[in-house]
PDB file of N, CA and C in Angstrom:
ATOM      1  N   MET A   1    -110.742  18.241  27.229  1.00  0.00           N
ATOM      2  CA  MET A   1    -111.401  17.478  26.549  1.00  0.00           C
ATOM      3  C   MET A   1    -111.891  16.272  27.425  1.00  0.00           C
ATOM      4  N   THR A   2    -113.011  16.125  27.546  1.00  0.00           N
ATOM      5  CA  THR A   2    -113.564  15.073  28.056  1.00  0.00           C
ATOM      6  C   THR A   2    -113.376  13.828  27.000  1.00  0.00           C
ATOM      7  N   PRO A   3    -112.769  12.680  27.694  1.00  0.00           N
ATOM      8  CA  PRO A   3    -112.766  11.087  26.662  1.00  0.00           C
ATOM      9  C   PRO A   3    -114.623  10.607  26.538  1.00  0.00           C
ATOM     10  N   GLY A   4    -113.761  10.193  24.991  1.00  0.00           N
ATOM     11  CA  GLY A   4    -114.633   8.768  24.849  1.00  0.00           C
ATOM     12  C   GLY A   4    -115.307   8.263  25.250  1.00  0.00           C
ATOM     13  N   LYS A   5    -116.252   8.047  25.534  1.00  0.00           N
ATOM     14  CA  LYS A   5    -116.578   5.908  25.681  1.00  0.00           C
ATOM     15  C   LYS A   5    -116.805   4.695  25.297  1.00  0.00           C
ATOM     16  N   PHE A   6    -115.882   4.136  25.314  1.00  0.00           N
ATOM     17  CA  PHE A   6    -115.486   2.996  25.174  1.00  0.00           C
ATOM     18  C   PHE A   6    -115.445   1.994  26.020  1.00  0.00           C
ATOM     19  N   ASP A   7    -117.129   0.888  26.903  1.00  0.00           N
ATOM     20  CA  ASP A   7    -116.730   0.616  27.842  1.00  0.00           C
ATOM     21  C   ASP A   7    -115.935  -0.870  26.861  1.00  0.00           C
ATOM     22  N   LEU A   8    -115.228  -2.049  27.817  1.00  0.00           N
ATOM     23  CA  LEU A   8    -114.545  -3.087  27.509  1.00  0.00           C
ATOM     24  C   LEU A   8    -116.081  -4.151  28.206  1.00  0.00           C
ATOM     25  N   ALA A   9    -116.021  -5.175  27.020  1.00  0.00           N
ATOM     26  CA  ALA A   9    -116.789  -6.163  27.333  1.00  0.00           C
ATOM     27  C   ALA A   9    -116.266  -7.493  26.763  1.00  0.00           C
ATOM     28  N   LEU A  10    -114.772  -8.123  27.990  1.00  0.00           N
ATOM     29  CA  LEU A  10    -114.306  -9.256  27.900  1.00  0.00           C
ATOM     30  C   LEU A  10    -115.086 -10.531  28.334  1.00  0.00           C
ATOM     31  N   TYR A  11    -114.063 -11.074  27.666  1.00  0.00           N
ATOM     32  CA  TYR A  11    -114.265 -13.043  27.981  1.00  0.00           C
ATOM     33  C   TYR A  11    -113.053 -13.759  28.511  1.00  0.00           C
ATOM     34  N   ARG A  12    -112.901 -13.295  29.485  1.00  0.00           N
ATOM     35  CA  ARG A  12    -111.403 -13.924  29.673  1.00  0.00           C
ATOM     36  C   ARG A  12    -110.641 -14.807  29.225  1.00  0.00           C
ATOM     37  N   GLY A  13    -109.438 -14.341  28.106  1.00  0.00           N
ATOM     38  CA  GLY A  13    -108.821 -15.359  27.885  1.00  0.00           C
ATOM     39  C   GLY A  13    -108.585 -15.598  26.417  1.00  0.00           C
ATOM     40  N   ASP A  14    -109.262 -14.420  25.754  1.00  0.00           N
ATOM     41  CA  ASP A  14    -109.836 -14.321  24.996  1.00  0.00           C
ATOM     42  C   ASP A  14    -108.873 -12.851  24.424  1.00  0.00           C
ATOM     43  N   SER A  15    -108.666 -13.155  22.643  1.00  0.00           N
ATOM     44  CA  SER A  15    -107.724 -11.351  22.344  1.00  0.00           C
ATOM     45  C   SER A  15    -108.695 -11.074  21.483  1.00  0.00           C
ATOM     46  N   TYR A  16    -107.998  -9.040  22.217  1.00  0.00           N
ATOM     47  CA  TYR A  16    -108.733  -8.785  21.360  1.00  0.00           C
ATOM     48  C   TYR A  16    -108.278  -7.861  20.713  1.00  0.00           C
ATOM     49  N   ALA A  17    -108.523  -6.777  19.748  1.00  0.00           N
ATOM     50  CA  ALA A  17    -107.904  -5.411  19.471  1.00  0.00           C
ATOM     51  C   ALA A  17    -108.779  -4.241  18.578  1.00  0.00           C
ATOM     52  N   TRP A  18    -108.279  -3.251  18.958  1.00  0.00           N
ATOM     53  CA  TRP A  18    -109.393  -2.685  18.663  1.00  0.00           C
ATOM     54  C   TRP A  18    -108.751  -0.897  18.237  1.00  0.00           C
ATOM     55  N   ARG A  19    -108.690  -0.199  16.860  1.00  0.00           N
ATOM     56  CA  ARG A  19    -107.463   0.821  16.460  1.00  0.00           C
ATOM     57  C   ARG A  19    -109.131   2.250  17.096  1.00  0.00           C
ATOM     58  N   PHE A  20    -107.855   3.255  17.428  1.00  0.00           N
ATOM     59  CA  PHE A  20    -108.561   4.278  17.455  1.00  0.00           C
ATOM     60  C   PHE A  20    -108.313   5.060  16.445  1.00  0.00           C
ATOM     61  N   ILE A  21    -109.258   5.946  16.012  1.00  0.00           N
ATOM     62  CA  ILE A  21    -108.357   6.765  14.792  1.00  0.00           C
ATOM     63  C   ILE A  21    -108.950   8.087  15.344  1.00  0.00           C
ATOM     64  N   LEU A  22    -107.322   8.981  15.688  1.00  0.00           N
ATOM     65  CA  LEU A  22    -107.681   9.966  16.690  1.00  0.00           C
ATOM     66  C   LEU A  22    -108.151  11.842  15.675  1.00  0.00           C
ATOM     67  N   TRP A  23    -108.759  12.768  16.321  1.00  0.00           N
ATOM     68  CA  TRP A  23    -109.040  13.472  15.466  1.00  0.00           C
ATOM     69  C   TRP A  23    -109.308  14.845  16.156  1.00  0.00           C
ATOM     70  N   GLN A  24    -108.291  15.988  15.828  1.00  0.00           N
ATOM     71  CA  GLN A  24    -108.744  16.995  16.394  1.00  0.00           C
ATOM     72  C   GLN A  24    -110.083  17.881  16.695  1.00  0.00           C
ATOM     73  N   ASP A  25    -111.413  17.886  16.008  1.00  0.00           N
ATOM     74  CA  ASP A  25    -111.984  18.766  15.438  1.00  0.00           C
ATOM     75  C   ASP A  25    -113.457  17.307  15.030  1.00  0.00           C
ATOM     76  N   GLU A  26    -114.578  17.333  15.409  1.00  0.00           N
ATOM     77  CA  GLU A  26    -116.100  16.696  15.771  1.00  0.00           C
ATOM     78  C   GLU A  26    -116.002  16.380  14.188  1.00  0.00           C
ATOM     79  N   GLU A  27    -115.324  17.039  12.782  1.00  0.00           N
ATOM     80  CA  GLU A  27    -115.821  16.435  11.955  1.00  0.00           C
ATOM     81  C   GLU A  27    -115.314  15.319  10.545  1.00  0.00           C
ATOM     82  N   GLN A  28    -114.365  15.837  12.050  1.00  0.00           N
ATOM     83  CA  GLN A  28    -113.010  14.275  11.129  1.00  0.00           C
ATOM     84  C   GLN A  28    -112.342  14.544   9.631  1.00  0.00           C
ATOM     85  N   THR A  29    -111.512  15.740   9.976  1.00  0.00           N
ATOM     86  CA  THR A  29    -111.261  16.194   9.128  1.00  0.00           C
ATOM     87  C   THR A  29    -109.590  16.782   9.402  1.00  0.00           C
ATOM     88  N   VAL A  30    -109.361  16.662  10.760  1.00  0.00           N
ATOM     89  CA  VAL A  30    -108.246  17.644  11.238  1.00  0.00           C
ATOM     90  C   VAL A  30    -107.740  15.768  11.894  1.00  0.00           C
ATOM     91  N   PRO A  31    -106.804  15.209  11.416  1.00  0.00           N
ATOM     92  CA  PRO A  31    -105.831  13.704  11.640  1.00  0.00           C
ATOM     93  C   PRO A  31    -104.982  14.374  13.528  1.00  0.00           C
ATOM     94  N   VAL A  32    -104.821  13.894  14.766  1.00  0.00           N
ATOM     95  CA  VAL A  32    -104.078  13.996  15.466  1.00  0.00           C
ATOM     96  C   VAL A  32    -102.830  13.872  15.781  1.00  0.00           C
ATOM     97  N   ASP A  33    -101.862  14.658  15.584  1.00  0.00           N
ATOM     98  CA  ASP A  33    -100.800  14.662  15.072  1.00  0.00           C
ATOM     99  C   ASP A  33     -99.543  13.871  15.753  1.00  0.00           C
ATOM    100  N   LEU A  34     -99.288  12.425  16.133  1.00  0.00           N
ATOM    101  CA  LEU A  34     -98.436  10.878  17.060  1.00  0.00           C
ATOM    102  C   LEU A  34     -97.464  12.227  16.732  1.00  0.00           C
ATOM    103  N   THR A  35     -97.460  11.926  15.626  1.00  0.00           N
ATOM    104  CA  THR A  35     -95.010  12.228  15.579  1.00  0.00           C
ATOM    105  C   THR A  35     -94.939  12.624  17.061  1.00  0.00           C
ATOM    106  N   GLY A  36     -94.257  11.679  17.305  1.00  0.00           N
ATOM    107  CA  GLY A  36     -92.974  12.107  18.959  1.00  0.00           C
ATOM    108  C   GLY A  36     -93.823  11.571  20.534  1.00  0.00           C
ATOM    109  N   ALA A  37     -95.400  11.552  19.832  1.00  0.00           N
ATOM    110  CA  ALA A  37     -95.755  10.557  21.617  1.00  0.00           C
ATOM    111  C   ALA A  37     -96.289   9.966  21.615  1.00  0.00           C
ATOM    112  N   THR A  38     -96.223   9.649  23.097  1.00  0.00           N
ATOM    113  CA  THR A  38     -96.185   7.953  23.508  1.00  0.00           C
ATOM    114  C   THR A  38     -97.309   8.020  24.102  1.00  0.00           C
ATOM    115  N   VAL A  39     -97.629   6.550  23.898  1.00  0.00           N
ATOM    116  CA  VAL A  39     -99.433   6.481  23.835  1.00  0.00           C
ATOM    117  C   VAL A  39     -99.074   5.503  25.012  1.00  0.00           C
ATOM    118  N   GLU A  40    -100.284   5.051  26.034  1.00  0.00           N
ATOM    119  CA  GLU A  40    -100.503   4.180  26.876  1.00  0.00           C
ATOM    120  C   GLU A  40    -101.787   3.580  26.953  1.00  0.00           C
ATOM    121  N   ALA A  41    -102.275   2.468  27.472  1.00  0.00           N
ATOM    122  CA  ALA A  41    -103.485   2.305  27.705  1.00  0.00           C
ATOM    123  C   ALA A  41    -103.449   0.471  29.021  1.00  0.00           C
ATOM    124  N   GLU A  42    -104.142   1.271  30.300  1.00  0.00           N
ATOM    125  CA  GLU A  42    -104.279   0.420  31.055  1.00  0.00           C
ATOM    126  C   GLU A  42    -105.505  -0.072  31.873  1.00  0.00           C
ATOM    127  N   ILE A  43    -106.243  -1.182  32.421  1.00  0.00           N
ATOM    128  CA  ILE A  43    -106.772  -1.823  32.980  1.00  0.00           C
ATOM    129  C   ILE A  43    -106.356  -1.708  34.403  1.00  0.00           C
ATOM    130  N   ARG A  44    -107.427  -0.551  35.610  1.00  0.00           N
ATOM    131  CA  ARG A  44    -107.399  -0.941  36.440  1.00  0.00           C
ATOM    132  C   ARG A  44    -108.586  -1.332  37.834  1.00  0.00           C
ATOM    133  N   ASP A  45    -108.857  -1.374  38.236  1.00  0.00           N
ATOM    134  CA  ASP A  45    -110.133  -2.702  39.186  1.00  0.00           C
ATOM    135  C   ASP A  45    -110.401  -1.209  39.570  1.00  0.00           C
ATOM    136  N   LYS A  46    -110.023  -0.026  40.000  1.00  0.00           N
ATOM    137  CA  LYS A  46    -110.732   1.447  39.905  1.00  0.00           C
ATOM    138  C   LYS A  46    -109.876   2.494  39.392  1.00  0.00           C
ATOM    139  N   SER A  47    -110.297   3.585  39.419  1.00  0.00           N
ATOM    140  CA  SER A  47    -109.460   4.821  39.027  1.00  0.00           C
ATOM    141  C   SER A  47    -108.774   5.842  39.853  1.00  0.00           C
ATOM    142  N   ALA A  48    -107.594   5.208  40.077  1.00  0.00           N
ATOM    143  CA  ALA A  48    -106.052   5.630  40.239  1.00  0.00           C
ATOM    144  C   ALA A  48    -106.069   4.148  41.042  1.00  0.00           C
ATOM    145  N   GLY A  49    -106.432   2.221  41.123  1.00  0.00           N
ATOM    146  CA  GLY A  49    -106.494   1.892  41.930  1.00  0.00           C
ATOM    147  C   GLY A  49    -104.573   1.224  41.269  1.00  0.00           C
ATOM    148  N   THR A  50    -105.041  -0.300  41.605  1.00  0.00           N
ATOM    149  CA  THR A  50    -103.690  -0.795  41.538  1.00  0.00           C
ATOM    150  C   THR A  50    -103.592  -0.932  40.025  1.00  0.00           C
ATOM    151  N   THR A  51    -102.955  -1.229  39.196  1.00  0.00           N
ATOM    152  CA  THR A  51    -102.603  -1.356  38.161  1.00  0.00           C
ATOM    153  C   THR A  51    -102.662  -2.892  37.683  1.00  0.00           C
ATOM    154  N   VAL A  52    -103.234  -2.725  36.612  1.00  0.00           N
ATOM    155  CA  VAL A  52    -103.845  -4.604  36.915  1.00  0.00           C
ATOM    156  C   VAL A  52    -103.433  -4.986  35.416  1.00  0.00           C
ATOM    157  N   VAL A  53    -103.474  -4.219  34.310  1.00  0.00           N
ATOM    158  CA  VAL A  53    -103.513  -4.684  33.364  1.00  0.00           C
ATOM    159  C   VAL A  53    -102.428  -3.661  31.650  1.00  0.00           C
ATOM    160  N   VAL A  54    -101.516  -3.533  31.583  1.00  0.00           N
ATOM    161  CA  VAL A  54    -100.961  -2.449  30.417  1.00  0.00           C
ATOM    162  C   VAL A  54    -100.974  -3.370  29.096  1.00  0.00           C
ATOM    163  N   LEU A  55    -101.762  -2.344  28.868  1.00  0.00           N
ATOM    164  CA  LEU A  55    -102.527  -3.527  27.613  1.00  0.00           C
ATOM    165  C   LEU A  55    -101.488  -2.465  26.574  1.00  0.00           C
ATOM    166  N   ALA A  56    -100.809  -3.463  25.542  1.00  0.00           N
ATOM    167  CA  ALA A  56    -100.222  -3.267  24.277  1.00  0.00           C
ATOM    168  C   ALA A  56    -100.817  -2.208  23.685  1.00  0.00           C
ATOM    169  N   CYS A  57    -100.413  -0.905  23.187  1.00  0.00           N
ATOM    170  CA  CYS A  57    -100.237   0.644  22.153  1.00  0.00           C
ATOM    171  C   CYS A  57     -99.290   0.718  21.052  1.00  0.00           C
ATOM    172  N   THR A  58     -99.519   0.627  19.817  1.00  0.00           N
ATOM    173  CA  THR A  58     -99.168   0.744  18.657  1.00  0.00           C
ATOM    174  C   THR A  58     -99.685   2.055  18.245  1.00  0.00           C
ATOM    175  N   PRO A  59     -99.028   3.455  17.266  1.00  0.00           N
ATOM    176  CA  PRO A  59     -99.372   4.295  17.067  1.00  0.00           C
ATOM    177  C   PRO A  59     -98.392   4.628  15.874  1.00  0.00           C
ATOM    178  N   THR A  60     -99.867   4.557  14.906  1.00  0.00           N
ATOM    179  CA  THR A  60     -99.098   4.780  13.686  1.00  0.00           C
ATOM    180  C   THR A  60     -99.200   6.290  12.923  1.00  0.00           C
ATOM    181  N   LEU A  61     -98.654   6.553  12.210  1.00  0.00           N
ATOM    182  CA  LEU A  61     -98.877   8.368  11.785  1.00  0.00           C
ATOM    183  C   LEU A  61     -99.603   8.256  11.074  1.00  0.00           C
ATOM    184  N   PRO A  62    -100.537   9.651  10.973  1.00  0.00           N
ATOM    185  CA  PRO A  62    -100.448  10.508  11.547  1.00  0.00           C
ATOM    186  C   PRO A  62    -101.372  10.375  12.926  1.00  0.00           C
ATOM    187  N   ASN A  63    -102.953   9.025  12.712  1.00  0.00           N
ATOM    188  CA  ASN A  63    -103.484   9.478  13.470  1.00  0.00           C
ATOM    189  C   ASN A  63    -103.802   7.996  14.357  1.00  0.00           C
ATOM    190  N   THR A  64    -103.701   6.882  13.850  1.00  0.00           N
ATOM    191  CA  THR A  64    -103.883   5.336  14.843  1.00  0.00           C
ATOM    192  C   THR A  64    -103.397   4.928  16.048  1.00  0.00           C
ATOM    193  N   VAL A  65    -104.562   4.517  16.922  1.00  0.00           N
ATOM    194  CA  VAL A  65    -103.422   4.050  17.777  1.00  0.00           C
ATOM    195  C   VAL A  65    -104.053   2.225  17.760  1.00  0.00           C
ATOM    196  N   ASP A  66    -103.501   0.826  17.875  1.00  0.00           N
ATOM    197  CA  ASP A  66    -103.960  -0.193  17.812  1.00  0.00           C
ATOM    198  C   ASP A  66    -103.374   0.070  19.447  1.00  0.00           C
ATOM    199  N   VAL A  67    -104.671  -1.326  19.659  1.00  0.00           N
ATOM    200  CA  VAL A  67    -104.553  -1.617  21.338  1.00  0.00           C
ATOM    201  C   VAL A  67    -105.044  -2.990  21.204  1.00  0.00           C
ATOM    202  N   GLU A  68    -104.551  -3.560  22.099  1.00  0.00           N
ATOM    203  CA  GLU A  68    -104.446  -5.491  22.147  1.00  0.00           C
ATOM    204  C   GLU A  68    -105.050  -5.547  23.339  1.00  0.00           C
ATOM    205  N   MET A  69    -105.238  -6.758  23.860  1.00  0.00           N
ATOM    206  CA  MET A  69    -105.992  -7.617  24.589  1.00  0.00           C
ATOM    207  C   MET A  69    -105.426  -8.866  23.930  1.00  0.00           C
ATOM    208  N   THR A  70    -104.206  -9.714  24.904  1.00  0.00           N
ATOM    209  CA  THR A  70    -103.785 -10.833  24.808  1.00  0.00           C
ATOM    210  C   THR A  70    -104.337 -11.549  25.803  1.00  0.00           C
ATOM    211  N   PRO A  71    -104.280 -13.376  25.704  1.00  0.00           N
ATOM    212  CA  PRO A  71    -105.016 -13.666  26.370  1.00  0.00           C
ATOM    213  C   PRO A  71    -104.187 -14.008  27.888  1.00  0.00           C
ATOM    214  N   ASP A  72    -102.830 -13.729  27.493  1.00  0.00           N
ATOM    215  CA  ASP A  72    -101.395 -13.508  28.890  1.00  0.00           C
ATOM    216  C   ASP A  72    -101.714 -12.290  29.845  1.00  0.00           C
ATOM    217  N   LEU A  73    -102.501 -11.736  29.274  1.00  0.00           N
ATOM    218  CA  LEU A  73    -102.908 -10.680  30.540  1.00  0.00           C
ATOM    219  C   LEU A  73    -103.876 -10.319  30.966  1.00  0.00           C
ATOM    220  N   TYR A  74    -104.888 -11.713  31.132  1.00  0.00           N
ATOM    221  CA  TYR A  74    -105.527 -11.266  32.042  1.00  0.00           C
ATOM    222  C   TYR A  74    -105.121 -11.866  33.462  1.00  0.00           C
ATOM    223  N   GLY A  75    -104.360 -12.280  34.472  1.00  0.00           N
ATOM    224  CA  GLY A  75    -103.774 -13.507  34.776  1.00  0.00           C
ATOM    225  C   GLY A  75    -103.616 -12.646  36.600  1.00  0.00           C
ATOM    226  N   THR A  76    -103.892 -11.531  36.472  1.00  0.00           N
ATOM    227  CA  THR A  76    -105.062 -10.479  37.831  1.00  0.00           C
ATOM    228  C   THR A  76    -105.322  -9.524  37.606  1.00  0.00           C
ATOM    229  N   ALA A  77    -106.335  -9.312  36.039  1.00  0.00           N
ATOM    230  CA  ALA A  77    -107.433  -8.698  35.516  1.00  0.00           C
ATOM    231  C   ALA A  77    -108.599  -8.915  36.253  1.00  0.00           C
ATOM    232  N   PRO A  78    -108.851  -7.853  37.344  1.00  0.00           N
ATOM    233  CA  PRO A  78    -110.413  -8.126  37.790  1.00  0.00           C
ATOM    234  C   PRO A  78    -111.723  -8.299  37.199  1.00  0.00           C
ATOM    235  N   SER A  79    -112.535  -8.888  37.259  1.00  0.00           N
ATOM    236  CA  SER A  79    -113.680  -8.861  36.994  1.00  0.00           C
ATOM    237  C   SER A  79    -114.843  -7.453  36.171  1.00  0.00           C
ATOM    238  N   LYS A  80    -114.614  -6.795  37.141  1.00  0.00           N
ATOM    239  CA  LYS A  80    -114.763  -5.018  37.339  1.00  0.00           C
ATOM    240  C   LYS A  80    -113.702  -4.672  37.010  1.00  0.00           C
ATOM    241  N   GLY A  81    -113.322  -3.372  36.068  1.00  0.00           N
ATOM    242  CA  GLY A  81    -112.843  -2.615  36.342  1.00  0.00           C
ATOM    243  C   GLY A  81    -113.047  -0.791  34.970  1.00  0.00           C
ATOM    244  N   VAL A  82    -111.738  -0.188  35.053  1.00  0.00           N
ATOM    245  CA  VAL A  82    -112.416   0.245  34.399  1.00  0.00           C
ATOM    246  C   VAL A  82    -110.704   0.579  33.668  1.00  0.00           C
ATOM    247  N   TRP A  83    -110.841   1.218  31.837  1.00  0.00           N
ATOM    248  CA  TRP A  83    -109.355   1.821  31.166  1.00  0.00           C
ATOM    249  C   TRP A  83    -109.728   2.909  30.591  1.00  0.00           C
ATOM    250  N   ASP A  84    -108.710   3.080  30.207  1.00  0.00           N
ATOM    251  CA  ASP A  84    -108.317   4.490  29.355  1.00  0.00           C
ATOM    252  C   ASP A  84    -107.080   4.473  28.674  1.00  0.00           C
ATOM    253  N   LEU A  85    -106.645   5.501  27.394  1.00  0.00           N
ATOM    254  CA  LEU A  85    -105.781   5.444  26.915  1.00  0.00           C
ATOM    255  C   LEU A  85    -105.514   6.593  26.665  1.00  0.00           C
ATOM    256  N   GLN A  86    -104.146   7.107  27.349  1.00  0.00           N
ATOM    257  CA  GLN A  86    -104.047   8.388  27.279  1.00  0.00           C
ATOM    258  C   GLN A  86    -102.218   8.635  26.698  1.00  0.00           C
ATOM    259  N   VAL A  87    -102.142   9.913  25.685  1.00  0.00           N
ATOM    260  CA  VAL A  87    -101.370  10.062  24.486  1.00  0.00           C
ATOM    261  C   VAL A  87    -100.748  10.909  25.470  1.00  0.00           C
ATOM    262  N   THR A  88     -99.054  11.093  26.139  1.00  0.00           N
ATOM    263  CA  THR A  88     -98.962  11.985  25.962  1.00  0.00           C
ATOM    264  C   THR A  88     -97.708  12.394  24.561  1.00  0.00           C
ATOM    265  N   PHE A  89     -97.766  14.540  23.989  1.00  0.00           N
ATOM    266  CA  PHE A  89     -97.939  14.685  23.249  1.00  0.00           C
ATOM    267  C   PHE A  89     -95.501  15.128  23.853  1.00  0.00           C
ATOM    268  N   PRO A  90     -94.853  15.345  22.685  1.00  0.00           N
ATOM    269  CA  PRO A  90     -93.888  15.981  23.144  1.00  0.00           C
ATOM    270  C   PRO A  90     -93.626  16.930  23.657  1.00  0.00           C
ATOM    271  N   ASP A  91     -94.756  18.036  23.421  1.00  0.00           N
ATOM    272  CA  ASP A  91     -94.476  19.466  24.727  1.00  0.00           C
ATOM    273  C   ASP A  91     -94.618  18.514  26.454  1.00  0.00           C
ATOM    274  N   GLY A  92     -95.011  17.526  26.078  1.00  0.00           N
ATOM    275  CA  GLY A  92     -95.453  17.344  27.650  1.00  0.00           C
ATOM    276  C   GLY A  92     -97.242  17.204  27.833  1.00  0.00           C
ATOM    277  N   SER A  93     -98.373  17.936  26.985  1.00  0.00           N
ATOM    278  CA  SER A  93     -99.136  17.623  27.180  1.00  0.00           C
ATOM    279  C   SER A  93     -99.727  16.568  26.834  1.00  0.00           C
ATOM    280  N   VAL A  94    -101.107  16.393  28.139  1.00  0.00           N
ATOM    281  CA  VAL A  94    -101.529  14.663  27.685  1.00  0.00           C
ATOM    282  C   VAL A  94    -103.144  15.111  27.727  1.00  0.00           C
ATOM    283  N   GLN A  95    -103.336  13.718  26.499  1.00  0.00           N
ATOM    284  CA  GLN A  95    -104.134  14.137  26.517  1.00  0.00           C
ATOM    285  C   GLN A  95    -105.141  12.537  26.926  1.00  0.00           C
ATOM    286  N   THR A  96    -106.176  12.496  27.147  1.00  0.00           N
ATOM    287  CA  THR A  96    -107.622  10.831  27.153  1.00  0.00           C
ATOM    288  C   THR A  96    -108.246  11.117  25.889  1.00  0.00           C
ATOM    289  N   PRO A  97    -107.933  10.403  24.944  1.00  0.00           N
ATOM    290  CA  PRO A  97    -109.231  10.145  24.316  1.00  0.00           C
ATOM    291  C   PRO A  97    -110.135   9.387  24.361  1.00  0.00           C
ATOM    292  N   VAL A  98    -109.712   8.764  24.870  1.00  0.00           N
ATOM    293  CA  VAL A  98    -111.183   7.677  24.637  1.00  0.00           C
ATOM    294  C   VAL A  98    -111.061   6.672  26.363  1.00  0.00           C
ATOM    295  N   ALA A  99    -111.668   6.558  27.273  1.00  0.00           N
ATOM    296  CA  ALA A  99    -112.258   5.416  28.675  1.00  0.00           C
ATOM    297  C   ALA A  99    -113.581   4.957  28.542  1.00  0.00           C
ATOM    298  N   GLY A 100    -113.321   3.907  29.359  1.00  0.00           N
ATOM    299  CA  GLY A 100    -115.175   3.461  29.945  1.00  0.00           C
ATOM    300  C   GLY A 100    -114.868   2.309  31.161  1.00  0.00           C
ATOM    301  N   THR A 101    -115.467   1.660  30.990  1.00  0.00           N
ATOM    302  CA  THR A 101    -115.338   0.836  32.188  1.00  0.00           C
ATOM    303  C   THR A 101    -115.096  -0.620  31.894  1.00  0.00           C
ATOM    304  N   VAL A 102    -114.711  -2.052  32.432  1.00  0.00           N
ATOM    305  CA  VAL A 102    -114.643  -2.973  31.858  1.00  0.00           C
ATOM    306  C   VAL A 102    -114.827  -3.820  32.707  1.00  0.00           C
ATOM    307  N   THR A 103    -115.745  -5.054  31.836  1.00  0.00           N
ATOM    308  CA  THR A 103    -116.079  -5.869  32.417  1.00  0.00           C
ATOM    309  C   THR A 103    -115.945  -7.169  31.850  1.00  0.00           C
ATOM    310  N   ILE A 104    -115.487  -7.961  32.906  1.00  0.00           N
ATOM    311  CA  ILE A 104    -114.949  -9.748  31.767  1.00  0.00           C
ATOM    312  C   ILE A 104    -115.315 -10.807  32.467  1.00  0.00           C
ATOM    313  N   THR A 105    -116.444 -11.529  32.099  1.00  0.00           N
ATOM    314  CA  THR A 105    -116.896 -12.515  31.746  1.00  0.00           C
ATOM    315  C   THR A 105    -115.491 -13.753  32.228  1.00  0.00           C
ATOM    316  N   GLY A 106    -115.948 -14.849  33.345  1.00  0.00           N
ATOM    317  CA  GLY A 106    -114.802 -15.887  32.831  1.00  0.00           C
ATOM    318  C   GLY A 106    -115.117 -16.592  32.069  1.00  0.00           C
ATOM    319  N   ASP A 107    -114.431 -17.731  31.788  1.00  0.00           N
ATOM    320  CA  ASP A 107    -114.183 -18.536  30.714  1.00  0.00           C
ATOM    321  C   ASP A 107    -114.434 -19.989  31.082  1.00  0.00           C
ATOM    322  N   VAL A 108    -114.882 -21.234  30.493  1.00  0.00           N
ATOM    323  CA  VAL A 108    -115.450 -22.535  30.492  1.00  0.00           C
ATOM    324  C   VAL A 108    -114.361 -22.902  30.660  1.00  0.00           C
ATOM    325  N   THR A 109    -113.627 -23.773  29.086  1.00  0.00           N
ATOM    326  CA  THR A 109    -112.197 -23.933  28.491  1.00  0.00           C
ATOM    327  C   THR A 109    -111.249 -23.512  29.224  1.00  0.00           C
ATOM    328  N   ASP A 110    -110.702 -23.804  29.276  1.00  0.00           N
ATOM    329  CA  ASP A 110    -109.199 -23.997  29.968  1.00  0.00           C
ATOM    330  C   ASP A 110    -108.985 -22.841  31.147  1.00  0.00           C
ATOM    331  N   SER A 111    -110.274 -22.302  31.851  1.00  0.00           N
ATOM    332  CA  SER A 111    -110.832 -21.922  33.076  1.00  0.00           C
ATOM    333  C   SER A 111    -109.305 -22.303  33.503  1.00  0.00           C
ATOM    334  N   ALA A 112    -109.040 -22.024  33.949  1.00  0.00           N
ATOM    335  CA  ALA A 112    -108.028 -22.017  35.809  1.00  0.00           C
ATOM    336  C   ALA A 112    -108.871 -23.028  36.540  1.00  0.00           C
ATOM    337  N   VAL A 113    -107.393 -24.111  37.503  1.00  0.00           N
ATOM    338  CA  VAL A 113    -108.402 -25.101  38.455  1.00  0.00           C
ATOM    339  C   VAL A 113    -107.981 -24.864  39.456  1.00  0.00           C
ATOM    340  N   MET A 114    -109.637 -24.552  40.681  1.00  0.00           N
ATOM    341  CA  MET A 114    -109.146 -24.323  41.540  1.00  0.00           C
ATOM    342  C   MET A 114    -108.150 -25.380  42.892  1.00  0.00           C
ATOM    343  N   PRO A 115    -107.126 -25.435  43.181  1.00  0.00           N
ATOM    344  CA  PRO A 115    -106.678 -26.989  44.004  1.00  0.00           C
ATOM    345  C   PRO A 115    -108.118 -26.846  44.905  1.00  0.00           C
ATOM    346  N   VAL A 116    -108.173 -28.703  45.246  1.00  0.00           N
ATOM    347  CA  VAL A 116    -108.959 -29.102  45.941  1.00  0.00           C
ATOM    348  C   VAL A 116    -108.785 -28.799  47.640  1.00  0.00           C
ATOM    349  N   SER A 117    -107.773 -28.573  47.775  1.00  0.00           N
ATOM    350  CA  SER A 117    -107.527 -27.252  49.589  1.00  0.00           C
ATOM    351  C   SER A 117    -108.905 -26.055  49.413  1.00  0.00           C
ATOM    352  N   ALA A 118    -108.933 -25.917  48.108  1.00  0.00           N
ATOM    353  CA  ALA A 118    -109.079 -24.714  48.056  1.00  0.00           C
ATOM    354  C   ALA A 118    -111.144 -24.883  47.770  1.00  0.00           C
ATOM    355  N   ARG A 119    -111.316 -25.313  47.353  1.00  0.00           N
ATOM    356  CA  ARG A 119    -112.117 -25.964  46.794  1.00  0.00           C
ATOM    357  C   ARG A 119    -113.591 -26.351  48.302  1.00  0.00           C
ATOM    358  N   GLU A 120    -112.674 -26.483  49.514  1.00  0.00           N
ATOM    359  CA  GLU A 120    -113.073 -27.420  50.628  1.00  0.00           C
ATOM    360  C   GLU A 120    -113.152 -26.949  51.294  1.00  0.00           C
ATOM    361  N   ARG A 121    -113.603 -25.375  51.418  1.00  0.00           N
ATOM    362  CA  ARG A 121    -113.352 -23.996  52.696  1.00  0.00           C
ATOM    363  C   ARG A 121    -114.737 -24.629  53.271  1.00  0.00           C
TER     364      ARG A 121
END
């Protein structure tokens, strides 16, 4: 299965929430059964790169996954990266239903202040 493309365009420090409804068929008549499955989503600087942000994932039966990005997660997030949502089923099989690029625009209000010593370089 090739993951569906879903790019994240984020504004640093803002809260985001996404809902993904997973189907076994293109007609969206057969829900993916998430009973006993674990769901994970991460933002990394690049594929197989350093883990940067672990997104909160909440599965709801039968086939819904809510993913959340909170302001406290931006600490080490890169301005550009990649992400995906991965489901591990009770039988050990793994599927990645959605993936994409990540672009984070720097904020202005409440942005981190650079120390004077760093600005003088």
